[in-house]
C-alpha atoms as a PDB file:
ATOM      1  CA  MET A   1       0.000   0.000   0.000  1.00  0.00           C
ATOM      2  CA  SER A   2       1.540   3.284  -1.061  1.00  0.00           C
ATOM      3  CA  ASP A   3      -1.552   5.489  -1.291  1.00  0.00           C
ATOM      4  CA  PRO A   4      -0.822   8.451   1.012  1.00  0.00           C
ATOM      5  CA  ASP A   5      -4.491   9.146   1.762  1.00  0.00           C
ATOM      6  CA  THR A   6      -5.046   5.566   2.910  1.00  0.00           C
ATOM      7  CA  ILE A   7      -1.958   5.617   5.127  1.00  0.00           C
ATOM      8  CA  SER A   8      -3.007   8.984   6.561  1.00  0.00           C
ATOM      9  CA  VAL A   9      -6.439   7.648   7.553  1.00  0.00           C
ATOM     10  CA  TYR A  10      -4.859   4.710   9.359  1.00  0.00           C
ATOM     11  CA  ASP A  11      -2.310   6.953  11.084  1.00  0.00           C
ATOM     12  CA  GLU A  12      -5.058   9.285  12.279  1.00  0.00           C
ATOM     13  CA  GLN A  13      -7.509   6.565  13.325  1.00  0.00           C
ATOM     14  CA  ALA A  14      -5.137   3.847  14.535  1.00  0.00           C
ATOM     15  CA  GLN A  15      -6.635   3.699  18.028  1.00  0.00           C
ATOM     16  CA  GLN A  16     -10.215   3.540  16.737  1.00  0.00           C
ATOM     17  CA  TYR A  17      -9.244   0.756  14.348  1.00  0.00           C
ATOM     18  CA  ALA A  18      -7.507  -1.110  17.174  1.00  0.00           C
ATOM     19  CA  GLU A  19     -10.689  -0.956  19.242  1.00  0.00           C
ATOM     20  CA  LEU A  20     -12.742  -2.176  16.268  1.00  0.00           C
ATOM     21  CA  THR A  21     -10.490  -5.196  15.677  1.00  0.00           C
ATOM     22  CA  ASP A  22      -9.358  -5.990  19.235  1.00  0.00           C
ATOM     23  CA  ASP A  23     -11.272  -9.229  19.730  1.00  0.00           C
ATOM     24  CA  SER A  24     -11.885 -10.124  16.112  1.00  0.00           C
ATOM     25  CA  ASN A  25      -9.364 -12.960  15.861  1.00  0.00           C
ATOM     26  CA  LYS A  26      -9.515 -14.701  19.221  1.00  0.00           C
ATOM     27  CA  ALA A  27     -12.256 -17.179  18.291  1.00  0.00           C
ATOM     28  CA  ASP A  28     -11.778 -16.944  14.554  1.00  0.00           C
ATOM     29  CA  ARG A  29     -11.890 -20.244  12.679  1.00  0.00           C
ATOM     30  CA  GLY A  30      -9.637 -18.919   9.917  1.00  0.00           C
ATOM     31  CA  MET A  31      -6.988 -17.938  12.450  1.00  0.00           C
ATOM     32  CA  THR A  32      -7.266 -21.311  14.197  1.00  0.00           C
ATOM     33  CA  ASP A  33      -6.854 -23.117  10.875  1.00  0.00           C
ATOM     34  CA  PHE A  34      -3.913 -20.902   9.890  1.00  0.00           C
ATOM     35  CA  ILE A  35      -2.068 -21.642  13.127  1.00  0.00           C
ATOM     36  CA  ALA A  36      -2.780 -25.366  12.728  1.00  0.00           C
ATOM     37  CA  ALA A  37      -1.430 -25.318   9.151  1.00  0.00           C
ATOM     38  CA  VAL A  38       1.919 -23.817  10.185  1.00  0.00           C
ATOM     39  CA  PRO A  39       4.612 -26.027  11.747  1.00  0.00           C
ATOM     40  CA  GLU A  40       4.981 -25.667  15.513  1.00  0.00           C
ATOM     41  CA  GLY A  41       7.171 -22.651  16.238  1.00  0.00           C
ATOM     42  CA  GLY A  42       7.117 -21.692  12.550  1.00  0.00           C
ATOM     43  CA  MET A  43       7.966 -18.278  11.106  1.00  0.00           C
ATOM     44  CA  VAL A  44       4.995 -16.278   9.850  1.00  0.00           C
ATOM     45  CA  LEU A  45       4.420 -12.849   8.336  1.00  0.00           C
ATOM     46  CA  ASP A  46       1.388 -10.725   9.171  1.00  0.00           C
ATOM     47  CA  LEU A  47       1.307  -8.615   6.008  1.00  0.00           C
ATOM     48  CA  GLY A  48      -0.521  -5.351   6.657  1.00  0.00           C
ATOM     49  CA  CYS A  49      -0.808  -6.127  10.347  1.00  0.00           C
ATOM     50  CA  GLY A  50      -2.744  -3.063  11.483  1.00  0.00           C
ATOM     51  CA  PRO A  51      -2.648  -2.762  15.290  1.00  0.00           C
ATOM     52  CA  GLY A  52      -1.398  -6.323  15.632  1.00  0.00           C
ATOM     53  CA  ALA A  53      -4.416  -8.217  16.996  1.00  0.00           C
ATOM     54  CA  SER A  54      -3.805 -11.172  14.676  1.00  0.00           C
ATOM     55  CA  ALA A  55      -0.047 -11.114  15.198  1.00  0.00           C
ATOM     56  CA  LEU A  56      -0.551 -11.291  18.963  1.00  0.00           C
ATOM     57  CA  VAL A  57      -2.779 -14.381  18.668  1.00  0.00           C
ATOM     58  CA  MET A  58      -0.125 -16.062  16.508  1.00  0.00           C
ATOM     59  CA  ALA A  59       2.656 -15.191  18.950  1.00  0.00           C
ATOM     60  CA  GLN A  60       0.613 -16.522  21.862  1.00  0.00           C
ATOM     61  CA  ALA A  61       0.261 -19.778  19.913  1.00  0.00           C
ATOM     62  CA  GLY A  62       4.046 -20.105  19.850  1.00  0.00           C
ATOM     63  CA  LEU A  63       4.763 -18.907  16.319  1.00  0.00           C
ATOM     64  CA  LYS A  64       7.623 -16.570  15.439  1.00  0.00           C
ATOM     65  CA  VAL A  65       5.860 -13.493  14.098  1.00  0.00           C
ATOM     66  CA  GLU A  66       7.071 -10.712  11.843  1.00  0.00           C
ATOM     67  CA  ALA A  67       4.524  -8.000  11.127  1.00  0.00           C
ATOM     68  CA  THR A  68       4.567  -5.165   8.617  1.00  0.00           C
ATOM     69  CA  ASP A  69       2.306  -2.216   7.932  1.00  0.00           C
ATOM     70  CA  ALA A  70       2.606   0.989   5.910  1.00  0.00           C
ATOM     71  CA  SER A  71       1.165   3.049   8.775  1.00  0.00           C
ATOM     72  CA  ALA A  72       3.694   4.172  11.384  1.00  0.00           C
ATOM     73  CA  GLU A  73       0.974   4.459  14.016  1.00  0.00           C
ATOM     74  CA  MET A  74      -0.219   0.916  13.363  1.00  0.00           C
ATOM     75  CA  VAL A  75       3.353  -0.353  13.677  1.00  0.00           C
ATOM     76  CA  LYS A  76       3.661   1.350  17.071  1.00  0.00           C
ATOM     77  CA  LEU A  77       0.546  -0.407  18.314  1.00  0.00           C
ATOM     78  CA  ALA A  78       1.586  -3.782  16.877  1.00  0.00           C
ATOM     79  CA  SER A  79       5.082  -3.491  18.357  1.00  0.00           C
ATOM     80  CA  ALA A  80       3.586  -3.141  21.826  1.00  0.00           C
ATOM     81  CA  ASN A  81       2.359  -6.760  21.628  1.00  0.00           C
ATOM     82  CA  HIS A  82       4.631  -9.251  23.376  1.00  0.00           C
ATOM     83  CA  GLY A  83       6.322 -11.611  20.923  1.00  0.00           C
ATOM     84  CA  VAL A  84       5.571  -9.493  17.842  1.00  0.00           C
ATOM     85  CA  THR A  85       8.321  -7.894  15.758  1.00  0.00           C
ATOM     86  CA  ALA A  86       6.708  -5.118  13.708  1.00  0.00           C
ATOM     87  CA  ARG A  87       8.226  -2.743  11.171  1.00  0.00           C
ATOM     88  CA  GLN A  88       6.968  -0.150   8.749  1.00  0.00           C
ATOM     89  CA  ALA A  89       6.919  -1.469   5.183  1.00  0.00           C
ATOM     90  CA  GLU A  90       4.784  -1.436   2.054  1.00  0.00           C
ATOM     91  CA  PHE A  91       3.728  -4.459   0.027  1.00  0.00           C
ATOM     92  CA  THR A  92       6.436  -3.716  -2.543  1.00  0.00           C
ATOM     93  CA  ASP A  93       9.094  -4.117   0.185  1.00  0.00           C
ATOM     94  CA  LEU A  94       8.433  -7.856   0.429  1.00  0.00           C
ATOM     95  CA  ASN A  95      11.474  -9.452  -1.203  1.00  0.00           C
ATOM     96  CA  GLU A  96      12.305 -12.408   1.038  1.00  0.00           C
ATOM     97  CA  VAL A  97      12.818 -15.835  -0.528  1.00  0.00           C
ATOM     98  CA  GLU A  98      11.521 -18.994   1.194  1.00  0.00           C
ATOM     99  CA  ALA A  99      11.547 -17.205   4.558  1.00  0.00           C
ATOM    100  CA  TYR A 100       8.076 -17.935   5.958  1.00  0.00           C
ATOM    101  CA  ASP A 101       6.013 -20.972   6.820  1.00  0.00           C
ATOM    102  CA  GLY A 102       2.889 -18.844   6.519  1.00  0.00           C
ATOM    103  CA  VAL A 103       1.676 -15.423   5.412  1.00  0.00           C
ATOM    104  CA  TRP A 104      -1.466 -13.882   6.923  1.00  0.00           C
ATOM    105  CA  ALA A 105      -2.882 -11.135   4.672  1.00  0.00           C
ATOM    106  CA  ASN A 106      -6.080 -10.262   6.506  1.00  0.00           C
ATOM    107  CA  PHE A 107      -7.938  -7.393   4.792  1.00  0.00           C
ATOM    108  CA  SER A 108      -4.672  -5.736   3.781  1.00  0.00           C
ATOM    109  CA  LEU A 109      -4.104  -6.438   0.087  1.00  0.00           C
ATOM    110  CA  LEU A 110      -7.503  -4.912  -0.675  1.00  0.00           C
ATOM    111  CA  HIS A 111      -5.629  -1.591  -0.462  1.00  0.00           C
ATOM    112  CA  ALA A 112      -3.344  -2.561  -3.368  1.00  0.00           C
ATOM    113  CA  THR A 113      -4.234  -1.423  -6.866  1.00  0.00           C
ATOM    114  CA  ARG A 114      -5.706  -4.039  -9.157  1.00  0.00           C
ATOM    115  CA  ALA A 115      -2.694  -3.542 -11.455  1.00  0.00           C
ATOM    116  CA  ALA A 116      -0.207  -4.309  -8.666  1.00  0.00           C
ATOM    117  CA  PHE A 117      -2.155  -7.103  -6.965  1.00  0.00           C
ATOM    118  CA  PRO A 118      -0.823 -10.004  -9.106  1.00  0.00           C
ATOM    119  CA  ASN A 119       2.780  -8.945  -8.454  1.00  0.00           C
ATOM    120  CA  HIS A 120       2.170  -8.889  -4.700  1.00  0.00           C
ATOM    121  CA  LEU A 121       0.839 -12.452  -4.836  1.00  0.00           C
ATOM    122  CA  VAL A 122       3.948 -13.569  -6.746  1.00  0.00           C
ATOM    123  CA  ALA A 123       6.154 -11.913  -4.102  1.00  0.00           C
ATOM    124  CA  ILE A 124       4.256 -13.708  -1.332  1.00  0.00           C
ATOM    125  CA  HIS A 125       4.675 -17.028  -3.145  1.00  0.00           C
ATOM    126  CA  LYS A 126       8.440 -16.440  -3.372  1.00  0.00           C
ATOM    127  CA  ALA A 127       8.605 -15.460   0.304  1.00  0.00           C
ATOM    128  CA  LEU A 128       6.934 -18.689   1.412  1.00  0.00           C
ATOM    129  CA  LYS A 129       8.825 -21.897   1.983  1.00  0.00           C
ATOM    130  CA  PRO A 130       7.748 -24.834  -0.214  1.00  0.00           C
ATOM    131  CA  HIS A 131       4.172 -25.770   0.732  1.00  0.00           C
ATOM    132  CA  GLY A 132       3.932 -22.669   2.952  1.00  0.00           C
ATOM    133  CA  VAL A 133       0.430 -21.406   3.619  1.00  0.00           C
ATOM    134  CA  LEU A 134      -1.329 -18.166   2.713  1.00  0.00           C
ATOM    135  CA  PHE A 135      -4.572 -16.941   4.249  1.00  0.00           C
ATOM    136  CA  ILE A 136      -5.962 -13.882   2.479  1.00  0.00           C
ATOM    137  CA  ALA A 137      -9.159 -11.956   3.248  1.00  0.00           C
ATOM    138  CA  MET A 138     -10.661  -9.474   0.796  1.00  0.00           C
ATOM    139  CA  LYS A 139     -13.908  -7.573   0.357  1.00  0.00           C
ATOM    140  CA  LEU A 140     -16.097  -8.872  -2.441  1.00  0.00           C
ATOM    141  CA  GLY A 141     -17.278  -6.581  -5.215  1.00  0.00           C
ATOM    142  CA  GLN A 142     -16.204  -4.843  -8.387  1.00  0.00           C
ATOM    143  CA  GLY A 143     -13.952  -1.937  -9.289  1.00  0.00           C
ATOM    144  CA  GLU A 144     -11.598   0.190  -7.226  1.00  0.00           C
ATOM    145  CA  GLY A 145     -11.539   3.592  -5.598  1.00  0.00           C
ATOM    146  CA  PRO A 146     -11.842   5.467  -2.278  1.00  0.00           C
ATOM    147  CA  ASP A 147     -14.273   4.602   0.498  1.00  0.00           C
ATOM    148  CA  ARG A 148     -16.125   7.147   2.682  1.00  0.00           C
ATOM    149  CA  LEU A 149     -12.932   7.859   4.638  1.00  0.00           C
ATOM    150  CA  GLY A 150     -10.740   8.233   1.552  1.00  0.00           C
ATOM    151  CA  ARG A 151      -9.016   4.846   1.830  1.00  0.00           C
ATOM    152  CA  TYR A 152      -8.201   3.223  -1.510  1.00  0.00           C
ATOM    153  CA  TYR A 153      -9.870  -0.161  -2.110  1.00  0.00           C
ATOM    154  CA  SER A 154      -9.857  -2.787  -4.856  1.00  0.00           C
ATOM    155  CA  TYR A 155     -12.728  -5.256  -4.997  1.00  0.00           C
ATOM    156  CA  TYR A 156     -12.803  -8.729  -6.541  1.00  0.00           C
ATOM    157  CA  SER A 157     -15.163 -11.610  -7.139  1.00  0.00           C
ATOM    158  CA  GLU A 158     -14.448 -15.032  -5.669  1.00  0.00           C
ATOM    159  CA  ASP A 159     -13.561 -16.412  -9.090  1.00  0.00           C
ATOM    160  CA  GLU A 160     -11.176 -13.536  -9.808  1.00  0.00           C
ATOM    161  CA  LEU A 161      -9.322 -14.070  -6.549  1.00  0.00           C
ATOM    162  CA  LYS A 162      -8.987 -17.793  -7.123  1.00  0.00           C
ATOM    163  CA  THR A 163      -7.671 -17.182 -10.636  1.00  0.00           C
ATOM    164  CA  TYR A 164      -5.084 -14.666  -9.435  1.00  0.00           C
ATOM    165  CA  LEU A 165      -3.916 -17.064  -6.723  1.00  0.00           C
ATOM    166  CA  GLN A 166      -3.601 -19.950  -9.157  1.00  0.00           C
ATOM    167  CA  GLU A 167      -1.692 -17.792 -11.648  1.00  0.00           C
ATOM    168  CA  ALA A 168       0.762 -16.863  -8.873  1.00  0.00           C
ATOM    169  CA  GLY A 169       1.410 -20.554  -8.206  1.00  0.00           C
ATOM    170  CA  PHE A 170      -0.945 -21.190  -5.276  1.00  0.00           C
ATOM    171  CA  THR A 171      -3.325 -24.089  -4.722  1.00  0.00           C
ATOM    172  CA  VAL A 172      -6.533 -22.927  -3.027  1.00  0.00           C
ATOM    173  CA  THR A 173      -7.515 -25.302  -0.199  1.00  0.00           C
ATOM    174  CA  GLY A 174     -10.361 -23.576   1.644  1.00  0.00           C
ATOM    175  CA  GLN A 175     -12.676 -20.600   1.813  1.00  0.00           C
ATOM    176  CA  TRP A 176     -14.960 -18.755   4.216  1.00  0.00           C
ATOM    177  CA  HIS A 177     -17.565 -16.087   3.536  1.00  0.00           C
ATOM    178  CA  GLY A 178     -18.891 -13.432   5.876  1.00  0.00           C
ATOM    179  CA  SER A 179     -19.838  -9.809   6.273  1.00  0.00           C
ATOM    180  CA  GLY A 180     -18.908  -7.105   8.718  1.00  0.00           C
ATOM    181  CA  THR A 181     -18.910  -3.416   9.544  1.00  0.00           C
ATOM    182  CA  GLY A 182     -15.718  -1.550   8.745  1.00  0.00           C
ATOM    183  CA  LEU A 183     -14.063   1.576  10.104  1.00  0.00           C
ATOM    184  CA  ASP A 184     -16.181   3.754   7.800  1.00  0.00           C
ATOM    185  CA  GLY A 185     -19.409   2.253   9.174  1.00  0.00           C
ATOM    186  CA  SER A 186     -20.382   0.413   5.998  1.00  0.00           C
ATOM    187  CA  VAL A 187     -21.216  -3.288   5.893  1.00  0.00           C
ATOM    188  CA  SER A 188     -19.303  -5.352   3.340  1.00  0.00           C
ATOM    189  CA  ASP A 189     -19.360  -8.961   2.201  1.00  0.00           C
ATOM    190  CA  TRP A 190     -15.969 -10.607   2.363  1.00  0.00           C
ATOM    191  CA  ILE A 191     -14.128 -13.835   1.574  1.00  0.00           C
ATOM    192  CA  ARG A 192     -11.092 -15.475   3.136  1.00  0.00           C
ATOM    193  CA  LEU A 193      -9.151 -18.006   1.090  1.00  0.00           C
ATOM    194  CA  ALA A 194      -6.623 -20.549   2.315  1.00  0.00           C
ATOM    195  CA  ALA A 195      -3.928 -21.618  -0.125  1.00  0.00           C
ATOM    196  CA  HIS A 196      -0.497 -23.188  -0.180  1.00  0.00           C
ATOM    197  CA  ALA A 197       2.587 -22.541  -2.266  1.00  0.00           C
END
């Protein structure tokens, strides 16, 4: 994510976003399945970690957690979680090779442009160890553009997402659908896909 307006919104509303997402992952089936799919004590990346709620759950489960976010304020909040190493970085900064057992991209890559999205998936594939796992959550829909708060979003259909993942070298192994209220107060349908390299 390199859109300055999107980063600015997250910097300004980091605490509100943290409150919105504080308990969202503690009883989350997708998170439970992600942790189970990673080797015990494995190295994982929370890509676009926000305030670090997911990263904390992973660390508490005994995983080694690296977390990145483009928002400096989000990184500060994530870094305060015990066992979480967080740093400021954009999606284009991901250049590791076979470094992670798992990548958790929970409602983060929806801020990437549609043009850049395929390249980010390729970079994630390269960063994963052989048979490493990816869990990605995105809002469903069409098109791209700013939301009510000025954050940049790209929307995809389920079929589009599966095609992009397959073209990047992933095998899709599971999916979940849901809906929820975001920071801007709107309700959106979403999908989370599990895949492996």
